[in-house]
Amino acid sequence: SPHNFSGLKDVIESRLAAIEDDIGGLGERLRLQGGEAAG
């Protein structure tokens, strides 16, 4: 549906939000694993 740009914008924004959540969770796990490894 190439004419539905507003819907595409909503889809992209929701997916970007999910990616941000994933990156945040991964960053937190990385920080914890890094701290444990350093210990």
Full PDB file with SEQRES, HELIX, SHEET, SSBOND, CRYST1, ORIGX, SCALE, CONECT and MASTER records, all heavy atoms in Angstrom:
SEQRES   1 A   39  SER PRO HIS ASN PHE SER GLY LEU LYS ASP VAL ILE GLU          
SEQRES   2 A   39  SER ARG LEU ALA ALA ILE GLU ASP ASP ILE GLY GLY LEU          
SEQRES   3 A   39  GLY GLU ARG LEU ARG LEU GLN GLY GLY GLU ALA ALA GLY          
HELIX    1 AA1 PHE A    5  ALA A   38  1                                  34    
CRYST1    1.000    1.000    1.000  90.00  90.00  90.00 P 1           1          
ORIGX1      1.000000  0.000000  0.000000        0.00000                         
ORIGX2      0.000000  1.000000  0.000000        0.00000                         
ORIGX3      0.000000  0.000000  1.000000        0.00000                         
SCALE1      1.000000  0.000000  0.000000        0.00000                         
SCALE2      0.000000  1.000000  0.000000        0.00000                         
SCALE3      0.000000  0.000000  1.000000        0.00000                         
ATOM      1  N   SER A   1       0.847  -1.194   0.000  1.00  0.00           N  
ATOM      2  CA  SER A   1       0.000   0.000   0.000  1.00  0.00           C  
ATOM      3  C   SER A   1       0.881   1.241   0.000  1.00  0.00           C  
ATOM      4  O   SER A   1       1.036   1.908   1.014  1.00  0.00           O  
ATOM      5  CB  SER A   1      -0.917  -0.067   1.210  1.00  0.00           C  
ATOM      6  OG  SER A   1      -1.102   1.125   1.822  1.00  0.00           O  
ATOM      7  N   PRO A   2       1.488   1.575  -1.141  1.00  0.00           N  
ATOM      8  CA  PRO A   2       2.435   2.689  -1.190  1.00  0.00           C  
ATOM      9  C   PRO A   2       1.808   4.055  -0.942  1.00  0.00           C  
ATOM     10  O   PRO A   2       2.506   5.003  -0.634  1.00  0.00           O  
ATOM     11  CB  PRO A   2       3.012   2.609  -2.607  1.00  0.00           C  
ATOM     12  CG  PRO A   2       2.078   1.776  -3.392  1.00  0.00           C  
ATOM     13  CD  PRO A   2       1.348   0.911  -2.423  1.00  0.00           C  
ATOM     14  N   HIS A   3       0.496   4.178  -1.025  1.00  0.00           N  
ATOM     15  CA  HIS A   3      -0.141   5.483  -0.830  1.00  0.00           C  
ATOM     16  C   HIS A   3      -0.448   5.764   0.634  1.00  0.00           C  
ATOM     17  O   HIS A   3      -0.877   6.854   0.976  1.00  0.00           O  
ATOM     18  CB  HIS A   3      -1.420   5.572  -1.667  1.00  0.00           C  
ATOM     19  CG  HIS A   3      -1.145   5.381  -3.124  1.00  0.00           C  
ATOM     20  ND1 HIS A   3      -0.446   6.295  -3.871  1.00  0.00           N  
ATOM     21  CD2 HIS A   3      -1.447   4.362  -3.956  1.00  0.00           C  
ATOM     22  CE1 HIS A   3      -0.345   5.860  -5.111  1.00  0.00           C  
ATOM     23  NE2 HIS A   3      -0.930   4.677  -5.195  1.00  0.00           N  
ATOM     24  N   ASN A   4      -0.205   4.818   1.482  1.00  0.00           N  
ATOM     25  CA  ASN A   4      -0.531   4.966   2.894  1.00  0.00           C  
ATOM     26  C   ASN A   4       0.714   5.392   3.680  1.00  0.00           C  
ATOM     27  O   ASN A   4       1.209   4.665   4.525  1.00  0.00           O  
ATOM     28  CB  ASN A   4      -1.103   3.651   3.426  1.00  0.00           C  
ATOM     29  CG  ASN A   4      -1.668   3.789   4.802  1.00  0.00           C  
ATOM     30  OD1 ASN A   4      -1.711   4.871   5.372  1.00  0.00           O  
ATOM     31  ND2 ASN A   4      -2.096   2.674   5.368  1.00  0.00           N  
ATOM     32  N   PHE A   5       1.211   6.580   3.406  1.00  0.00           N  
ATOM     33  CA  PHE A   5       2.436   7.053   4.055  1.00  0.00           C  
ATOM     34  C   PHE A   5       2.257   7.289   5.553  1.00  0.00           C  
ATOM     35  O   PHE A   5       3.171   7.034   6.323  1.00  0.00           O  
ATOM     36  CB  PHE A   5       2.935   8.346   3.395  1.00  0.00           C  
ATOM     37  CG  PHE A   5       3.498   8.125   2.039  1.00  0.00           C  
ATOM     38  CD1 PHE A   5       2.860   8.628   0.916  1.00  0.00           C  
ATOM     39  CD2 PHE A   5       4.670   7.406   1.870  1.00  0.00           C  
ATOM     40  CE1 PHE A   5       3.379   8.419  -0.346  1.00  0.00           C  
ATOM     41  CE2 PHE A   5       5.194   7.196   0.611  1.00  0.00           C  
ATOM     42  CZ  PHE A   5       4.551   7.703  -0.506  1.00  0.00           C  
ATOM     43  N   SER A   6       1.117   7.766   5.962  1.00  0.00           N  
ATOM     44  CA  SER A   6       0.917   8.015   7.393  1.00  0.00           C  
ATOM     45  C   SER A   6       0.924   6.697   8.164  1.00  0.00           C  
ATOM     46  O   SER A   6       1.469   6.609   9.260  1.00  0.00           O  
ATOM     47  CB  SER A   6      -0.376   8.780   7.644  1.00  0.00           C  
ATOM     48  OG  SER A   6      -1.490   8.009   7.237  1.00  0.00           O  
ATOM     49  N   GLY A   7       0.330   5.667   7.579  1.00  0.00           N  
ATOM     50  CA  GLY A   7       0.369   4.355   8.224  1.00  0.00           C  
ATOM     51  C   GLY A   7       1.777   3.807   8.285  1.00  0.00           C  
ATOM     52  O   GLY A   7       2.182   3.204   9.279  1.00  0.00           O  
ATOM     53  N   LEU A   8       2.538   4.052   7.219  1.00  0.00           N  
ATOM     54  CA  LEU A   8       3.930   3.610   7.197  1.00  0.00           C  
ATOM     55  C   LEU A   8       4.736   4.311   8.284  1.00  0.00           C  
ATOM     56  O   LEU A   8       5.536   3.687   8.969  1.00  0.00           O  
ATOM     57  CB  LEU A   8       4.539   3.874   5.819  1.00  0.00           C  
ATOM     58  CG  LEU A   8       5.999   3.495   5.650  1.00  0.00           C  
ATOM     59  CD1 LEU A   8       6.173   1.988   5.834  1.00  0.00           C  
ATOM     60  CD2 LEU A   8       6.508   3.929   4.290  1.00  0.00           C  
ATOM     61  N   LYS A   9       4.474   5.592   8.461  1.00  0.00           N  
ATOM     62  CA  LYS A   9       5.169   6.354   9.508  1.00  0.00           C  
ATOM     63  C   LYS A   9       4.877   5.755  10.877  1.00  0.00           C  
ATOM     64  O   LYS A   9       5.778   5.581  11.693  1.00  0.00           O  
ATOM     65  CB  LYS A   9       4.737   7.817   9.462  1.00  0.00           C  
ATOM     66  CG  LYS A   9       5.399   8.666  10.504  1.00  0.00           C  
ATOM     67  CD  LYS A   9       4.883  10.085  10.471  1.00  0.00           C  
ATOM     68  CE  LYS A   9       5.481  10.842  11.616  1.00  0.00           C  
ATOM     69  NZ  LYS A   9       4.653  11.933  12.061  1.00  0.00           N  
ATOM     70  N   ASP A  10       3.622   5.410  11.132  1.00  0.00           N  
ATOM     71  CA  ASP A  10       3.257   4.802  12.421  1.00  0.00           C  
ATOM     72  C   ASP A  10       3.949   3.458  12.618  1.00  0.00           C  
ATOM     73  O   ASP A  10       4.434   3.149  13.710  1.00  0.00           O  
ATOM     74  CB  ASP A  10       1.740   4.622  12.518  1.00  0.00           C  
ATOM     75  CG  ASP A  10       0.999   5.954  12.568  1.00  0.00           C  
ATOM     76  OD1 ASP A  10       1.641   6.976  12.908  1.00  0.00           O  
ATOM     77  OD2 ASP A  10      -0.211   5.965  12.260  1.00  0.00           O  
ATOM     78  N   VAL A  11       3.999   2.657  11.561  1.00  0.00           N  
ATOM     79  CA  VAL A  11       4.660   1.348  11.633  1.00  0.00           C  
ATOM     80  C   VAL A  11       6.141   1.530  11.945  1.00  0.00           C  
ATOM     81  O   VAL A  11       6.700   0.865  12.819  1.00  0.00           O  
ATOM     82  CB  VAL A  11       4.463   0.561  10.316  1.00  0.00           C  
ATOM     83  CG1 VAL A  11       5.365  -0.660  10.261  1.00  0.00           C  
ATOM     84  CG2 VAL A  11       3.013   0.155  10.155  1.00  0.00           C  
ATOM     85  N   ILE A  12       6.784   2.455  11.240  1.00  0.00           N  
ATOM     86  CA  ILE A  12       8.218   2.692  11.457  1.00  0.00           C  
ATOM     87  C   ILE A  12       8.474   3.188  12.874  1.00  0.00           C  
ATOM     88  O   ILE A  12       9.400   2.721  13.544  1.00  0.00           O  
ATOM     89  CB  ILE A  12       8.773   3.673  10.407  1.00  0.00           C  
ATOM     90  CG1 ILE A  12       8.803   2.999   9.035  1.00  0.00           C  
ATOM     91  CG2 ILE A  12      10.167   4.162  10.798  1.00  0.00           C  
ATOM     92  CD1 ILE A  12       9.155   3.931   7.893  1.00  0.00           C  
ATOM     93  N   GLU A  13       7.642   4.111  13.345  1.00  0.00           N  
ATOM     94  CA  GLU A  13       7.827   4.631  14.706  1.00  0.00           C  
ATOM     95  C   GLU A  13       7.651   3.539  15.753  1.00  0.00           C  
ATOM     96  O   GLU A  13       8.417   3.460  16.717  1.00  0.00           O  
ATOM     97  CB  GLU A  13       6.855   5.780  14.957  1.00  0.00           C  
ATOM     98  CG  GLU A  13       7.255   7.058  14.256  1.00  0.00           C  
ATOM     99  CD  GLU A  13       6.253   8.185  14.459  1.00  0.00           C  
ATOM    100  OE1 GLU A  13       5.161   7.940  15.040  1.00  0.00           O  
ATOM    101  OE2 GLU A  13       6.564   9.308  14.038  1.00  0.00           O  
ATOM    102  N   SER A  14       6.671   2.669  15.563  1.00  0.00           N  
ATOM    103  CA  SER A  14       6.469   1.594  16.544  1.00  0.00           C  
ATOM    104  C   SER A  14       7.623   0.608  16.513  1.00  0.00           C  
ATOM    105  O   SER A  14       8.069   0.124  17.557  1.00  0.00           O  
ATOM    106  CB  SER A  14       5.137   0.878  16.306  1.00  0.00           C  
ATOM    107  OG  SER A  14       5.180   0.129  15.112  1.00  0.00           O  
ATOM    108  N   ARG A  15       8.135   0.342  15.324  1.00  0.00           N  
ATOM    109  CA  ARG A  15       9.272  -0.582  15.225  1.00  0.00           C  
ATOM    110  C   ARG A  15      10.534   0.048  15.791  1.00  0.00           C  
ATOM    111  O   ARG A  15      11.350  -0.638  16.419  1.00  0.00           O  
ATOM    112  CB  ARG A  15       9.459  -1.037  13.788  1.00  0.00           C  
ATOM    113  CG  ARG A  15       8.311  -1.944  13.396  1.00  0.00           C  
ATOM    114  CD  ARG A  15       8.493  -2.606  12.103  1.00  0.00           C  
ATOM    115  NE  ARG A  15       7.335  -3.485  11.880  1.00  0.00           N  
ATOM    116  CZ  ARG A  15       6.902  -3.837  10.720  1.00  0.00           C  
ATOM    117  NH1 ARG A  15       7.520  -3.421   9.632  1.00  0.00           N  
ATOM    118  NH2 ARG A  15       5.855  -4.626  10.593  1.00  0.00           N  
ATOM    119  N   LEU A  16      10.713   1.327  15.578  1.00  0.00           N  
ATOM    120  CA  LEU A  16      11.871   2.006  16.167  1.00  0.00           C  
ATOM    121  C   LEU A  16      11.789   1.990  17.693  1.00  0.00           C  
ATOM    122  O   LEU A  16      12.804   1.829  18.373  1.00  0.00           O  
ATOM    123  CB  LEU A  16      11.984   3.439  15.647  1.00  0.00           C  
ATOM    124  CG  LEU A  16      12.481   3.595  14.226  1.00  0.00           C  
ATOM    125  CD1 LEU A  16      12.441   5.065  13.804  1.00  0.00           C  
ATOM    126  CD2 LEU A  16      13.892   3.040  14.079  1.00  0.00           C  
ATOM    127  N   ALA A  17      10.584   2.156  18.228  1.00  0.00           N  
ATOM    128  CA  ALA A  17      10.415   2.087  19.676  1.00  0.00           C  
ATOM    129  C   ALA A  17      10.790   0.692  20.188  1.00  0.00           C  
ATOM    130  O   ALA A  17      11.456   0.561  21.226  1.00  0.00           O  
ATOM    131  CB  ALA A  17       8.983   2.432  20.058  1.00  0.00           C  
ATOM    132  N   ALA A  18      10.378  -0.339  19.454  1.00  0.00           N  
ATOM    133  CA  ALA A  18      10.731  -1.711  19.862  1.00  0.00           C  
ATOM    134  C   ALA A  18      12.237  -1.920  19.790  1.00  0.00           C  
ATOM    135  O   ALA A  18      12.836  -2.544  20.673  1.00  0.00           O  
ATOM    136  CB  ALA A  18      10.014  -2.727  18.971  1.00  0.00           C  
ATOM    137  N   ILE A  19      12.870  -1.365  18.764  1.00  0.00           N  
ATOM    138  CA  ILE A  19      14.329  -1.486  18.633  1.00  0.00           C  
ATOM    139  C   ILE A  19      15.030  -0.761  19.772  1.00  0.00           C  
ATOM    140  O   ILE A  19      15.990  -1.269  20.351  1.00  0.00           O  
ATOM    141  CB  ILE A  19      14.783  -0.945  17.261  1.00  0.00           C  
ATOM    142  CG1 ILE A  19      14.310  -1.870  16.144  1.00  0.00           C  
ATOM    143  CG2 ILE A  19      16.296  -0.777  17.208  1.00  0.00           C  
ATOM    144  CD1 ILE A  19      14.462  -1.282  14.756  1.00  0.00           C  
ATOM    145  N   GLU A  20      14.541   0.431  20.112  1.00  0.00           N  
ATOM    146  CA  GLU A  20      15.128   1.174  21.233  1.00  0.00           C  
ATOM    147  C   GLU A  20      15.028   0.383  22.526  1.00  0.00           C  
ATOM    148  O   GLU A  20      15.970   0.352  23.325  1.00  0.00           O  
ATOM    149  CB  GLU A  20      14.449   2.529  21.383  1.00  0.00           C  
ATOM    150  CG  GLU A  20      14.821   3.524  20.305  1.00  0.00           C  
ATOM    151  CD  GLU A  20      14.034   4.824  20.412  1.00  0.00           C  
ATOM    152  OE1 GLU A  20      13.157   4.935  21.288  1.00  0.00           O  
ATOM    153  OE2 GLU A  20      14.311   5.720  19.601  1.00  0.00           O  
ATOM    154  N   ASP A  21      13.882  -0.260  22.734  1.00  0.00           N  
ATOM    155  CA  ASP A  21      13.719  -1.099  23.933  1.00  0.00           C  
ATOM    156  C   ASP A  21      14.712  -2.253  23.927  1.00  0.00           C  
ATOM    157  O   ASP A  21      15.329  -2.565  24.954  1.00  0.00           O  
ATOM    158  CB  ASP A  21      12.291  -1.643  24.030  1.00  0.00           C  
ATOM    159  CG  ASP A  21      11.277  -0.553  24.334  1.00  0.00           C  
ATOM    160  OD1 ASP A  21      11.680   0.542  24.770  1.00  0.00           O  
ATOM    161  OD2 ASP A  21      10.071  -0.800  24.117  1.00  0.00           O  
ATOM    162  N   ASP A  22      14.859  -2.898  22.756  1.00  0.00           N  
ATOM    163  CA  ASP A  22      15.803  -4.010  22.650  1.00  0.00           C  
ATOM    164  C   ASP A  22      17.228  -3.543  22.925  1.00  0.00           C  
ATOM    165  O   ASP A  22      17.987  -4.205  23.633  1.00  0.00           O  
ATOM    166  CB  ASP A  22      15.747  -4.646  21.264  1.00  0.00           C  
ATOM    167  CG  ASP A  22      14.495  -5.470  21.057  1.00  0.00           C  
ATOM    168  OD1 ASP A  22      13.798  -5.751  22.047  1.00  0.00           O  
ATOM    169  OD2 ASP A  22      14.222  -5.828  19.893  1.00  0.00           O  
ATOM    170  N   ILE A  23      17.601  -2.419  22.361  1.00  0.00           N  
ATOM    171  CA  ILE A  23      18.959  -1.899  22.558  1.00  0.00           C  
ATOM    172  C   ILE A  23      19.164  -1.519  24.013  1.00  0.00           C  
ATOM    173  O   ILE A  23      20.232  -1.764  24.583  1.00  0.00           O  
ATOM    174  CB  ILE A  23      19.224  -0.715  21.609  1.00  0.00           C  
ATOM    175  CG1 ILE A  23      19.334  -1.231  20.171  1.00  0.00           C  
ATOM    176  CG2 ILE A  23      20.486   0.032  22.001  1.00  0.00           C  
ATOM    177  CD1 ILE A  23      19.442  -0.142  19.127  1.00  0.00           C  
ATOM    178  N   GLY A  24      18.144  -0.932  24.631  1.00  0.00           N  
ATOM    179  CA  GLY A  24      18.250  -0.596  26.054  1.00  0.00           C  
ATOM    180  C   GLY A  24      18.454  -1.834  26.911  1.00  0.00           C  
ATOM    181  O   GLY A  24      19.306  -1.863  27.806  1.00  0.00           O  
ATOM    182  N   GLY A  25      17.680  -2.874  26.621  1.00  0.00           N  
ATOM    183  CA  GLY A  25      17.829  -4.125  27.369  1.00  0.00           C  
ATOM    184  C   GLY A  25      19.176  -4.767  27.135  1.00  0.00           C  
ATOM    185  O   GLY A  25      19.817  -5.277  28.063  1.00  0.00           O  
ATOM    186  N   LEU A  26      19.624  -4.737  25.885  1.00  0.00           N  
ATOM    187  CA  LEU A  26      20.933  -5.301  25.555  1.00  0.00           C  
ATOM    188  C   LEU A  26      22.044  -4.509  26.237  1.00  0.00           C  
ATOM    189  O   LEU A  26      22.994  -5.081  26.759  1.00  0.00           O  
ATOM    190  CB  LEU A  26      21.128  -5.316  24.039  1.00  0.00           C  
ATOM    191  CG  LEU A  26      22.387  -5.978  23.512  1.00  0.00           C  
ATOM    192  CD1 LEU A  26      22.467  -7.431  23.957  1.00  0.00           C  
ATOM    193  CD2 LEU A  26      22.427  -5.890  21.994  1.00  0.00           C  
ATOM    194  N   GLY A  27      21.907  -3.191  26.260  1.00  0.00           N  
ATOM    195  CA  GLY A  27      22.905  -2.355  26.940  1.00  0.00           C  
ATOM    196  C   GLY A  27      22.973  -2.657  28.430  1.00  0.00           C  
ATOM    197  O   GLY A  27      24.056  -2.715  29.013  1.00  0.00           O  
ATOM    198  N   GLU A  28      21.828  -2.864  29.037  1.00  0.00           N  
ATOM    199  CA  GLU A  28      21.797  -3.201  30.463  1.00  0.00           C  
ATOM    200  C   GLU A  28      22.447  -4.558  30.716  1.00  0.00           C  
ATOM    201  O   GLU A  28      23.243  -4.717  31.647  1.00  0.00           O  
ATOM    202  CB  GLU A  28      20.347  -3.199  30.967  1.00  0.00           C  
ATOM    203  CG  GLU A  28      20.207  -3.507  32.435  1.00  0.00           C  
ATOM    204  CD  GLU A  28      20.853  -2.476  33.339  1.00  0.00           C  
ATOM    205  OE1 GLU A  28      21.071  -1.332  32.903  1.00  0.00           O  
ATOM    206  OE2 GLU A  28      21.168  -2.830  34.497  1.00  0.00           O  
ATOM    207  N   ARG A  29      22.125  -5.546  29.863  1.00  0.00           N  
ATOM    208  CA  ARG A  29      22.755  -6.862  30.021  1.00  0.00           C  
ATOM    209  C   ARG A  29      24.263  -6.763  29.801  1.00  0.00           C  
ATOM    210  O   ARG A  29      25.043  -7.397  30.506  1.00  0.00           O  
ATOM    211  CB  ARG A  29      22.146  -7.872  29.055  1.00  0.00           C  
ATOM    212  CG  ARG A  29      20.775  -8.340  29.465  1.00  0.00           C  
ATOM    213  CD  ARG A  29      20.355  -9.606  28.746  1.00  0.00           C  
ATOM    214  NE  ARG A  29      20.564  -9.585  27.324  1.00  0.00           N  
ATOM    215  CZ  ARG A  29      19.642  -9.306  26.410  1.00  0.00           C  
ATOM    216  NH1 ARG A  29      18.429  -9.011  26.780  1.00  0.00           N  
ATOM    217  NH2 ARG A  29      19.942  -9.328  25.121  1.00  0.00           N  
ATOM    218  N   LEU A  30      24.666  -5.960  28.826  1.00  0.00           N  
ATOM    219  CA  LEU A  30      26.086  -5.764  28.562  1.00  0.00           C  
ATOM    220  C   LEU A  30      26.784  -5.142  29.766  1.00  0.00           C  
ATOM    221  O   LEU A  30      27.866  -5.568  30.155  1.00  0.00           O  
ATOM    222  CB  LEU A  30      26.273  -4.885  27.324  1.00  0.00           C  
ATOM    223  CG  LEU A  30      27.690  -4.508  26.943  1.00  0.00           C  
ATOM    224  CD1 LEU A  30      28.506  -5.752  26.624  1.00  0.00           C  
ATOM    225  CD2 LEU A  30      27.691  -3.568  25.760  1.00  0.00           C  
ATOM    226  N   ARG A  31      26.136  -4.148  30.365  1.00  0.00           N  
ATOM    227  CA  ARG A  31      26.723  -3.506  31.547  1.00  0.00           C  
ATOM    228  C   ARG A  31      26.870  -4.506  32.692  1.00  0.00           C  
ATOM    229  O   ARG A  31      27.920  -4.585  33.334  1.00  0.00           O  
ATOM    230  CB  ARG A  31      25.851  -2.328  31.985  1.00  0.00           C  
ATOM    231  CG  ARG A  31      26.457  -1.502  33.114  1.00  0.00           C  
ATOM    232  CD  ARG A  31      25.488  -0.444  33.601  1.00  0.00           C  
ATOM    233  NE  ARG A  31      24.290  -0.987  34.212  1.00  0.00           N  
ATOM    234  CZ  ARG A  31      24.238  -1.496  35.437  1.00  0.00           C  
ATOM    235  NH1 ARG A  31      25.320  -1.558  36.182  1.00  0.00           N  
ATOM    236  NH2 ARG A  31      23.098  -1.951  35.927  1.00  0.00           N  
ATOM    237  N   LEU A  32      25.848  -5.310  32.911  1.00  0.00           N  
ATOM    238  CA  LEU A  32      25.902  -6.313  33.982  1.00  0.00           C  
ATOM    239  C   LEU A  32      26.950  -7.379  33.696  1.00  0.00           C  
ATOM    240  O   LEU A  32      27.742  -7.742  34.580  1.00  0.00           O  
ATOM    241  CB  LEU A  32      24.537  -6.958  34.187  1.00  0.00           C  
ATOM    242  CG  LEU A  32      23.448  -6.063  34.760  1.00  0.00           C  
ATOM    243  CD1 LEU A  32      22.106  -6.779  34.744  1.00  0.00           C  
ATOM    244  CD2 LEU A  32      23.803  -5.602  36.160  1.00  0.00           C  
ATOM    245  N   GLN A  33      26.969  -7.896  32.465  1.00  0.00           N  
ATOM    246  CA  GLN A  33      27.947  -8.926  32.121  1.00  0.00           C  
ATOM    247  C   GLN A  33      29.361  -8.367  32.168  1.00  0.00           C  
ATOM    248  O   GLN A  33      30.282  -9.050  32.613  1.00  0.00           O  
ATOM    249  CB  GLN A  33      27.664  -9.498  30.730  1.00  0.00           C  
ATOM    250  CG  GLN A  33      26.457 -10.393  30.685  1.00  0.00           C  
ATOM    251  CD  GLN A  33      26.164 -10.903  29.274  1.00  0.00           C  
ATOM    252  OE1 GLN A  33      26.785 -10.490  28.312  1.00  0.00           O  
ATOM    253  NE2 GLN A  33      25.193 -11.792  29.178  1.00  0.00           N  
ATOM    254  N   GLY A  34      29.525  -7.125  31.722  1.00  0.00           N  
ATOM    255  CA  GLY A  34      30.847  -6.496  31.779  1.00  0.00           C  
ATOM    256  C   GLY A  34      31.318  -6.338  33.206  1.00  0.00           C  
ATOM    257  O   GLY A  34      32.481  -6.581  33.530  1.00  0.00           O  
ATOM    258  N   GLY A  35      30.404  -5.927  34.099  1.00  0.00           N  
ATOM    259  CA  GLY A  35      30.752  -5.792  35.514  1.00  0.00           C  
ATOM    260  C   GLY A  35      31.116  -7.123  36.142  1.00  0.00           C  
ATOM    261  O   GLY A  35      32.086  -7.223  36.909  1.00  0.00           O  
ATOM    262  N   GLU A  36      30.348  -8.154  35.787  1.00  0.00           N  
ATOM    263  CA  GLU A  36      30.649  -9.487  36.316  1.00  0.00           C  
ATOM    264  C   GLU A  36      31.994  -9.993  35.792  1.00  0.00           C  
ATOM    265  O   GLU A  36      32.787 -10.546  36.547  1.00  0.00           O  
ATOM    266  CB  GLU A  36      29.542 -10.470  35.940  1.00  0.00           C  
ATOM    267  CG  GLU A  36      28.229 -10.210  36.635  1.00  0.00           C  
ATOM    268  CD  GLU A  36      27.087 -11.033  36.075  1.00  0.00           C  
ATOM    269  OE1 GLU A  36      27.311 -11.811  35.130  1.00  0.00           O  
ATOM    270  OE2 GLU A  36      25.964 -10.879  36.590  1.00  0.00           O  
ATOM    271  N   ALA A  37      32.233  -9.793  34.503  1.00  0.00           N  
ATOM    272  CA  ALA A  37      33.507 -10.233  33.922  1.00  0.00           C  
ATOM    273  C   ALA A  37      34.665  -9.473  34.542  1.00  0.00           C  
ATOM    274  O   ALA A  37      35.702 -10.061  34.864  1.00  0.00           O  
ATOM    275  CB  ALA A  37      33.485 -10.043  32.407  1.00  0.00           C  
ATOM    276  N   ALA A  38      34.501  -8.172  34.735  1.00  0.00           N  
ATOM    277  CA  ALA A  38      35.566  -7.377  35.357  1.00  0.00           C  
ATOM    278  C   ALA A  38      35.818  -7.850  36.784  1.00  0.00           C  
ATOM    279  O   ALA A  38      36.975  -7.928  37.223  1.00  0.00           O  
ATOM    280  CB  ALA A  38      35.199  -5.898  35.345  1.00  0.00           C  
ATOM    281  N   GLY A  39      34.753  -8.198  37.486  1.00  0.00           N  
ATOM    282  CA  GLY A  39      34.914  -8.714  38.845  1.00  0.00           C  
ATOM    283  C   GLY A  39      35.669 -10.037  38.863  1.00  0.00           C  
ATOM    284  O   GLY A  39      36.531 -10.259  39.723  1.00  0.00           O  
TER     285      GLY A  39                                                      
MASTER        0    0    0    1    0    0    0    6  284    1    0    3          
END                                                                             
